[in-house]
Amino acid sequence: MKNARLSLTTRKDFDKKVDDLLAKNPSQCFYVNITKREKKRSISANAVYQSWYKPISDHIAMTIPEATRYIKLTFGLPILFSNKDFGGVIHSGLDNKGFFQVSYERQLEYMDKMPVTRLFTTEMHNKLRDDIQHFFGQQGLSLEYEK
């Protein structure tokens, strides 16, 4: 059970999921981490990324899907790992699945199935945007957006 939504109206469903999990794994010990859900990023924030993938893909000689994977792996995952609430859990889970032992090319392929930016808070999203702008700006690629 990952990223279960908990509120006053969903509490009974959440409790049932916890009860089911414990019943299926009676000898297993679990940790529960409840965090306040931050405001979701806006549609316009998503549009910024969509508008950047084409110039980035042209700049690094990749297709748009390849550039998207590259951005998620190179910039997005480190931001997720640095999150104090769930970064360690995500890193540990990937490590347990052997993610860090596979080739770089295989890691890029995994990015198609891995939620990265969808887990971001507004602050994490802003860091990703700023990191991408800085990195590619140093290479002479200007990525602009309206604030």
N, C-alpha and C. Protein backbone atom coordinates (compact mmCIF):
# COMPACT_ATOMS: atom_id res chain seq x y z
N MET A 1 0.86 -1.17 0.00
CA MET A 1 0.00 0.00 0.00
C MET A 1 0.90 1.23 0.00
N LYS A 2 0.89 1.97 -1.10
CA LYS A 2 1.75 3.13 -1.23
C LYS A 2 0.91 4.36 -1.54
N ASN A 3 1.30 5.47 -0.95
CA ASN A 3 0.67 6.76 -1.23
C ASN A 3 -0.85 6.69 -1.11
N ALA A 4 -1.32 6.05 -0.05
CA ALA A 4 -2.77 5.98 0.18
C ALA A 4 -3.26 7.33 0.68
N ARG A 5 -4.34 7.77 0.12
CA ARG A 5 -4.91 9.05 0.51
C ARG A 5 -5.66 8.89 1.83
N LEU A 6 -5.39 9.77 2.77
CA LEU A 6 -6.04 9.72 4.08
C LEU A 6 -6.66 11.07 4.39
N SER A 7 -7.94 11.06 4.62
CA SER A 7 -8.67 12.24 5.05
C SER A 7 -9.83 11.76 5.90
N LEU A 8 -10.59 12.67 6.42
CA LEU A 8 -11.73 12.28 7.24
C LEU A 8 -12.71 11.43 6.45
N THR A 9 -12.88 11.74 5.18
CA THR A 9 -13.85 10.99 4.37
C THR A 9 -13.31 9.67 3.85
N THR A 10 -11.98 9.48 3.82
CA THR A 10 -11.41 8.23 3.31
C THR A 10 -10.85 7.34 4.42
N ARG A 11 -11.02 7.75 5.66
CA ARG A 11 -10.40 7.03 6.78
C ARG A 11 -10.84 5.57 6.88
N LYS A 12 -12.13 5.29 6.72
CA LYS A 12 -12.60 3.91 6.83
C LYS A 12 -11.97 3.03 5.77
N ASP A 13 -11.89 3.53 4.55
CA ASP A 13 -11.26 2.77 3.47
C ASP A 13 -9.77 2.55 3.77
N PHE A 14 -9.11 3.58 4.27
CA PHE A 14 -7.70 3.48 4.63
C PHE A 14 -7.51 2.42 5.73
N ASP A 15 -8.34 2.47 6.76
CA ASP A 15 -8.25 1.49 7.86
C ASP A 15 -8.46 0.07 7.34
N LYS A 16 -9.39 -0.09 6.40
CA LYS A 16 -9.65 -1.42 5.84
C LYS A 16 -8.42 -1.92 5.08
N LYS A 17 -7.78 -1.05 4.32
CA LYS A 17 -6.57 -1.44 3.59
C LYS A 17 -5.46 -1.85 4.56
N VAL A 18 -5.31 -1.11 5.65
CA VAL A 18 -4.31 -1.45 6.65
C VAL A 18 -4.64 -2.80 7.28
N ASP A 19 -5.89 -3.00 7.66
CA ASP A 19 -6.32 -4.28 8.25
C ASP A 19 -6.06 -5.44 7.29
N ASP A 20 -6.37 -5.27 6.00
CA ASP A 20 -6.14 -6.31 5.01
C ASP A 20 -4.65 -6.62 4.87
N LEU A 21 -3.84 -5.57 4.83
CA LEU A 21 -2.40 -5.75 4.71
C LEU A 21 -1.85 -6.53 5.91
N LEU A 22 -2.27 -6.17 7.10
CA LEU A 22 -1.79 -6.86 8.31
C LEU A 22 -2.29 -8.29 8.37
N ALA A 23 -3.51 -8.53 7.94
CA ALA A 23 -4.06 -9.88 7.95
C ALA A 23 -3.31 -10.79 6.98
N LYS A 24 -2.90 -10.25 5.83
CA LYS A 24 -2.17 -11.04 4.84
C LYS A 24 -0.72 -11.27 5.24
N ASN A 25 -0.20 -10.46 6.13
CA ASN A 25 1.20 -10.53 6.55
C ASN A 25 1.29 -10.46 8.07
N PRO A 26 0.77 -11.45 8.80
CA PRO A 26 0.67 -11.35 10.26
C PRO A 26 2.01 -11.25 10.98
N SER A 27 3.07 -11.78 10.39
CA SER A 27 4.36 -11.72 11.08
C SER A 27 5.24 -10.57 10.59
N GLN A 28 4.74 -9.81 9.66
CA GLN A 28 5.51 -8.70 9.07
C GLN A 28 5.31 -7.43 9.89
N CYS A 29 6.38 -6.64 10.00
CA CYS A 29 6.31 -5.34 10.67
C CYS A 29 6.38 -4.25 9.59
N PHE A 30 5.57 -3.23 9.71
CA PHE A 30 5.53 -2.15 8.73
C PHE A 30 5.76 -0.80 9.41
N TYR A 31 6.20 0.17 8.61
CA TYR A 31 6.30 1.55 9.06
C TYR A 31 5.22 2.35 8.33
N VAL A 32 4.64 3.30 9.02
CA VAL A 32 3.65 4.18 8.42
C VAL A 32 4.18 5.60 8.54
N ASN A 33 4.14 6.33 7.45
CA ASN A 33 4.60 7.71 7.43
C ASN A 33 3.46 8.55 6.87
N ILE A 34 2.89 9.40 7.69
CA ILE A 34 1.79 10.25 7.24
C ILE A 34 2.33 11.67 7.06
N THR A 35 2.16 12.18 5.86
CA THR A 35 2.62 13.53 5.55
C THR A 35 1.48 14.35 4.99
N LYS A 36 1.54 15.62 5.23
CA LYS A 36 0.54 16.52 4.68
C LYS A 36 0.74 16.62 3.19
N ARG A 37 -0.32 16.47 2.45
CA ARG A 37 -0.22 16.55 1.00
C ARG A 37 -0.13 18.01 0.59
N GLU A 38 0.92 18.29 -0.15
CA GLU A 38 1.12 19.65 -0.63
C GLU A 38 0.20 19.90 -1.81
N LYS A 39 0.00 21.15 -2.10
CA LYS A 39 -0.81 21.53 -3.25
C LYS A 39 -0.19 20.95 -4.51
N LYS A 40 -1.01 20.38 -5.36
CA LYS A 40 -0.52 19.81 -6.61
C LYS A 40 -0.07 20.93 -7.54
N ARG A 41 0.91 20.60 -8.38
CA ARG A 41 1.39 21.61 -9.31
C ARG A 41 0.31 21.92 -10.35
N SER A 42 0.44 23.05 -10.93
CA SER A 42 -0.58 23.51 -11.86
C SER A 42 -0.40 22.92 -13.25
N ILE A 43 -1.43 23.01 -14.03
CA ILE A 43 -1.35 22.58 -15.42
C ILE A 43 -0.31 23.40 -16.15
N SER A 44 -0.21 24.69 -15.84
CA SER A 44 0.77 25.52 -16.54
C SER A 44 2.19 25.07 -16.24
N ALA A 45 2.42 24.52 -15.04
CA ALA A 45 3.75 23.99 -14.73
C ALA A 45 4.06 22.81 -15.64
N ASN A 46 3.07 21.96 -15.89
CA ASN A 46 3.27 20.84 -16.81
C ASN A 46 3.55 21.34 -18.22
N ALA A 47 2.88 22.41 -18.61
CA ALA A 47 3.07 22.95 -19.95
C ALA A 47 4.51 23.44 -20.15
N VAL A 48 5.13 23.93 -19.08
CA VAL A 48 6.53 24.36 -19.17
C VAL A 48 7.38 23.19 -19.62
N TYR A 49 7.22 22.04 -18.97
CA TYR A 49 8.02 20.88 -19.34
C TYR A 49 7.73 20.42 -20.76
N GLN A 50 6.48 20.41 -21.12
CA GLN A 50 6.13 19.98 -22.47
C GLN A 50 6.81 20.87 -23.52
N SER A 51 6.88 22.14 -23.24
CA SER A 51 7.48 23.05 -24.21
C SER A 51 9.01 22.93 -24.24
N TRP A 52 9.61 22.39 -23.21
CA TRP A 52 11.07 22.28 -23.15
C TRP A 52 11.60 20.98 -23.77
N TYR A 53 10.81 19.94 -23.81
CA TYR A 53 11.34 18.66 -24.28
C TYR A 53 11.84 18.71 -25.72
N LYS A 54 11.18 19.42 -26.59
CA LYS A 54 11.61 19.51 -27.98
C LYS A 54 12.98 20.19 -28.09
N PRO A 55 13.18 21.39 -27.53
CA PRO A 55 14.52 21.99 -27.65
C PRO A 55 15.59 21.18 -26.93
N ILE A 56 15.24 20.55 -25.82
CA ILE A 56 16.22 19.72 -25.11
C ILE A 56 16.59 18.52 -25.97
N SER A 57 15.58 17.87 -26.55
CA SER A 57 15.87 16.68 -27.37
C SER A 57 16.72 17.05 -28.59
N ASP A 58 16.45 18.19 -29.20
CA ASP A 58 17.28 18.64 -30.32
C ASP A 58 18.71 18.90 -29.86
N HIS A 59 18.85 19.52 -28.70
CA HIS A 59 20.17 19.89 -28.17
C HIS A 59 21.02 18.67 -27.84
N ILE A 60 20.42 17.63 -27.29
CA ILE A 60 21.19 16.45 -26.88
C ILE A 60 21.07 15.30 -27.87
N ALA A 61 20.50 15.58 -29.05
CA ALA A 61 20.39 14.60 -30.14
C ALA A 61 19.67 13.33 -29.70
N MET A 62 18.51 13.51 -29.10
CA MET A 62 17.66 12.41 -28.68
C MET A 62 16.25 12.67 -29.20
N THR A 63 15.45 11.62 -29.20
CA THR A 63 14.03 11.81 -29.49
C THR A 63 13.39 12.45 -28.26
N ILE A 64 12.18 12.94 -28.40
CA ILE A 64 11.50 13.53 -27.25
C ILE A 64 11.27 12.50 -26.14
N PRO A 65 10.82 11.27 -26.45
CA PRO A 65 10.70 10.28 -25.37
C PRO A 65 12.04 9.97 -24.68
N GLU A 66 13.12 9.91 -25.44
CA GLU A 66 14.43 9.67 -24.84
C GLU A 66 14.84 10.82 -23.93
N ALA A 67 14.60 12.04 -24.37
CA ALA A 67 14.93 13.22 -23.56
C ALA A 67 14.09 13.25 -22.29
N THR A 68 12.83 12.84 -22.39
CA THR A 68 11.96 12.78 -21.22
C THR A 68 12.52 11.80 -20.20
N ARG A 69 12.93 10.63 -20.66
CA ARG A 69 13.53 9.63 -19.76
C ARG A 69 14.81 10.18 -19.13
N TYR A 70 15.62 10.83 -19.93
CA TYR A 70 16.88 11.40 -19.47
C TYR A 70 16.64 12.43 -18.35
N ILE A 71 15.67 13.30 -18.54
CA ILE A 71 15.35 14.32 -17.55
C ILE A 71 14.87 13.66 -16.25
N LYS A 72 13.99 12.68 -16.36
CA LYS A 72 13.48 11.99 -15.17
C LYS A 72 14.61 11.32 -14.39
N LEU A 73 15.50 10.63 -15.11
CA LEU A 73 16.58 9.89 -14.46
C LEU A 73 17.65 10.82 -13.90
N THR A 74 18.07 11.78 -14.69
CA THR A 74 19.20 12.64 -14.33
C THR A 74 18.85 13.74 -13.33
N PHE A 75 17.66 14.30 -13.46
CA PHE A 75 17.28 15.42 -12.61
C PHE A 75 16.19 15.06 -11.60
N GLY A 76 15.17 14.33 -12.07
CA GLY A 76 14.02 14.04 -11.21
C GLY A 76 14.31 13.08 -10.07
N LEU A 77 14.95 11.96 -10.36
CA LEU A 77 15.20 10.97 -9.30
C LEU A 77 16.05 11.53 -8.17
N PRO A 78 17.15 12.25 -8.43
CA PRO A 78 17.91 12.82 -7.32
C PRO A 78 17.08 13.76 -6.43
N ILE A 79 16.15 14.47 -7.03
CA ILE A 79 15.28 15.34 -6.23
C ILE A 79 14.37 14.49 -5.36
N LEU A 80 13.80 13.41 -5.91
CA LEU A 80 12.98 12.50 -5.09
C LEU A 80 13.80 11.91 -3.95
N PHE A 81 15.02 11.47 -4.25
CA PHE A 81 15.86 10.86 -3.22
C PHE A 81 16.19 11.83 -2.10
N SER A 82 16.25 13.11 -2.40
CA SER A 82 16.61 14.10 -1.37
C SER A 82 15.44 14.47 -0.47
N ASN A 83 14.23 14.01 -0.80
CA ASN A 83 13.06 14.34 0.01
C ASN A 83 13.15 13.64 1.36
N LYS A 84 13.05 14.39 2.45
CA LYS A 84 13.21 13.83 3.79
C LYS A 84 12.08 12.89 4.18
N ASP A 85 10.92 13.03 3.58
CA ASP A 85 9.78 12.20 3.96
C ASP A 85 9.76 10.85 3.27
N PHE A 86 10.08 10.81 1.98
CA PHE A 86 9.96 9.53 1.27
C PHE A 86 11.14 9.20 0.36
N GLY A 87 12.15 10.06 0.31
CA GLY A 87 13.30 9.81 -0.56
C GLY A 87 14.03 8.53 -0.24
N GLY A 88 14.26 8.29 1.05
CA GLY A 88 14.96 7.07 1.45
C GLY A 88 14.19 5.82 1.11
N VAL A 89 12.87 5.88 1.25
CA VAL A 89 12.03 4.73 0.94
C VAL A 89 12.09 4.41 -0.56
N ILE A 90 12.03 5.44 -1.39
CA ILE A 90 12.09 5.25 -2.84
C ILE A 90 13.46 4.69 -3.23
N HIS A 91 14.51 5.27 -2.68
CA HIS A 91 15.87 4.80 -2.99
C HIS A 91 16.04 3.34 -2.58
N SER A 92 15.61 3.02 -1.37
CA SER A 92 15.72 1.66 -0.86
C SER A 92 14.92 0.67 -1.72
N GLY A 93 13.72 1.05 -2.10
CA GLY A 93 12.89 0.20 -2.94
C GLY A 93 13.55 -0.09 -4.29
N LEU A 94 14.13 0.95 -4.90
CA LEU A 94 14.82 0.76 -6.18
C LEU A 94 16.06 -0.10 -6.00
N ASP A 95 16.77 0.12 -4.90
CA ASP A 95 17.96 -0.67 -4.62
C ASP A 95 17.60 -2.15 -4.44
N ASN A 96 16.53 -2.41 -3.69
CA ASN A 96 16.08 -3.79 -3.48
C ASN A 96 15.67 -4.47 -4.77
N LYS A 97 15.18 -3.71 -5.74
CA LYS A 97 14.77 -4.26 -7.03
C LYS A 97 15.94 -4.37 -8.01
N GLY A 98 17.14 -3.94 -7.59
CA GLY A 98 18.32 -4.05 -8.45
C GLY A 98 18.46 -2.93 -9.47
N PHE A 99 17.71 -1.84 -9.28
CA PHE A 99 17.73 -0.74 -10.24
C PHE A 99 19.14 -0.19 -10.46
N PHE A 100 19.91 -0.05 -9.40
CA PHE A 100 21.23 0.58 -9.51
C PHE A 100 22.29 -0.37 -10.07
N GLN A 101 21.95 -1.64 -10.22
CA GLN A 101 22.88 -2.61 -10.76
C GLN A 101 22.70 -2.82 -12.27
N VAL A 102 21.62 -2.31 -12.84
CA VAL A 102 21.39 -2.49 -14.27
C VAL A 102 22.09 -1.37 -15.05
N SER A 103 22.22 -1.56 -16.33
CA SER A 103 22.90 -0.58 -17.18
C SER A 103 22.15 0.75 -17.20
N TYR A 104 22.88 1.78 -17.57
CA TYR A 104 22.29 3.12 -17.70
C TYR A 104 21.14 3.10 -18.71
N GLU A 105 21.34 2.39 -19.80
CA GLU A 105 20.31 2.31 -20.84
C GLU A 105 19.04 1.67 -20.29
N ARG A 106 19.20 0.63 -19.46
CA ARG A 106 18.05 -0.06 -18.87
C ARG A 106 17.35 0.87 -17.86
N GLN A 107 18.14 1.63 -17.10
CA GLN A 107 17.55 2.59 -16.16
C GLN A 107 16.70 3.61 -16.92
N LEU A 108 17.19 4.06 -18.07
CA LEU A 108 16.41 5.00 -18.88
C LEU A 108 15.09 4.37 -19.31
N GLU A 109 15.12 3.10 -19.70
CA GLU A 109 13.89 2.41 -20.10
C GLU A 109 12.90 2.34 -18.95
N TYR A 110 13.40 2.12 -17.73
CA TYR A 110 12.52 2.03 -16.56
C TYR A 110 11.77 3.34 -16.31
N MET A 111 12.30 4.44 -16.79
CA MET A 111 11.67 5.74 -16.55
C MET A 111 10.28 5.83 -17.16
N ASP A 112 10.00 5.03 -18.19
CA ASP A 112 8.67 5.03 -18.79
C ASP A 112 7.60 4.58 -17.81
N LYS A 113 7.97 3.70 -16.90
CA LYS A 113 6.99 3.12 -15.97
C LYS A 113 7.06 3.72 -14.58
N MET A 114 8.01 4.59 -14.36
CA MET A 114 8.26 5.09 -13.02
C MET A 114 7.69 6.49 -12.81
N PRO A 115 6.81 6.65 -11.81
CA PRO A 115 6.33 8.00 -11.51
C PRO A 115 7.44 8.80 -10.84
N VAL A 116 7.77 9.91 -11.40
CA VAL A 116 8.81 10.75 -10.81
C VAL A 116 8.21 12.13 -10.51
N THR A 117 8.00 12.94 -11.54
CA THR A 117 7.49 14.29 -11.30
C THR A 117 6.07 14.27 -10.75
N ARG A 118 5.34 13.21 -10.97
CA ARG A 118 3.97 13.14 -10.44
C ARG A 118 3.97 13.08 -8.91
N LEU A 119 5.12 12.71 -8.31
CA LEU A 119 5.24 12.66 -6.85
C LEU A 119 5.77 13.97 -6.27
N PHE A 120 6.08 14.93 -7.11
CA PHE A 120 6.71 16.17 -6.67
C PHE A 120 5.74 17.10 -5.94
N THR A 121 6.29 17.78 -4.95
CA THR A 121 5.61 18.93 -4.34
C THR A 121 5.93 20.14 -5.22
N THR A 122 5.33 21.26 -4.93
CA THR A 122 5.61 22.47 -5.69
C THR A 122 7.09 22.85 -5.58
N GLU A 123 7.66 22.71 -4.39
CA GLU A 123 9.07 23.05 -4.19
C GLU A 123 9.98 22.15 -5.02
N MET A 124 9.65 20.87 -5.06
CA MET A 124 10.45 19.93 -5.84
C MET A 124 10.34 20.24 -7.33
N HIS A 125 9.14 20.57 -7.74
CA HIS A 125 8.92 20.94 -9.15
C HIS A 125 9.75 22.18 -9.50
N ASN A 126 9.75 23.17 -8.63
CA ASN A 126 10.53 24.39 -8.88
C ASN A 126 12.02 24.08 -8.97
N LYS A 127 12.49 23.19 -8.11
CA LYS A 127 13.91 22.81 -8.15
C LYS A 127 14.24 22.11 -9.46
N LEU A 128 13.38 21.23 -9.90
CA LEU A 128 13.61 20.54 -11.17
C LEU A 128 13.70 21.55 -12.31
N ARG A 129 12.76 22.43 -12.37
CA ARG A 129 12.74 23.46 -13.42
C ARG A 129 14.03 24.29 -13.38
N ASP A 130 14.42 24.73 -12.18
CA ASP A 130 15.62 25.55 -12.04
C ASP A 130 16.89 24.77 -12.41
N ASP A 131 16.96 23.51 -11.98
CA ASP A 131 18.12 22.68 -12.29
C ASP A 131 18.26 22.46 -13.79
N ILE A 132 17.15 22.19 -14.46
CA ILE A 132 17.18 21.98 -15.91
C ILE A 132 17.62 23.26 -16.62
N GLN A 133 17.05 24.39 -16.21
CA GLN A 133 17.43 25.66 -16.84
C GLN A 133 18.91 25.95 -16.64
N HIS A 134 19.41 25.72 -15.44
CA HIS A 134 20.81 25.99 -15.14
C HIS A 134 21.73 25.07 -15.96
N PHE A 135 21.44 23.78 -15.93
CA PHE A 135 22.27 22.79 -16.62
C PHE A 135 22.35 23.08 -18.12
N PHE A 136 21.21 23.23 -18.75
CA PHE A 136 21.22 23.45 -20.19
C PHE A 136 21.63 24.88 -20.54
N GLY A 137 21.37 25.83 -19.64
CA GLY A 137 21.84 27.20 -19.85
C GLY A 137 23.35 27.28 -19.93
N GLN A 138 24.04 26.47 -19.11
CA GLN A 138 25.50 26.43 -19.15
C GLN A 138 26.01 25.87 -20.48
N GLN A 139 25.17 25.14 -21.16
CA GLN A 139 25.54 24.58 -22.47
C GLN A 139 25.06 25.47 -23.62
N GLY A 140 24.47 26.61 -23.27
CA GLY A 140 24.04 27.56 -24.29
C GLY A 140 22.60 27.42 -24.75
N LEU A 141 21.82 26.54 -24.09
CA LEU A 141 20.42 26.37 -24.47
C LEU A 141 19.56 27.17 -23.49
N SER A 142 18.85 28.15 -24.01
CA SER A 142 18.00 28.99 -23.18
C SER A 142 16.60 28.41 -23.11
N LEU A 143 16.18 28.06 -21.90
CA LEU A 143 14.84 27.52 -21.66
C LEU A 143 14.09 28.53 -20.79
N GLU A 144 13.12 29.19 -21.38
CA GLU A 144 12.41 30.26 -20.70
C GLU A 144 10.98 29.85 -20.39
N TYR A 145 10.39 30.53 -19.44
CA TYR A 145 8.98 30.38 -19.10
C TYR A 145 8.51 31.67 -18.48
N GLU A 146 7.22 31.86 -18.51
CA GLU A 146 6.65 33.05 -17.88
C GLU A 146 6.28 32.74 -16.46
N LYS A 147 6.76 33.57 -15.53
CA LYS A 147 6.47 33.36 -14.10
C LYS A 147 5.13 33.92 -13.74
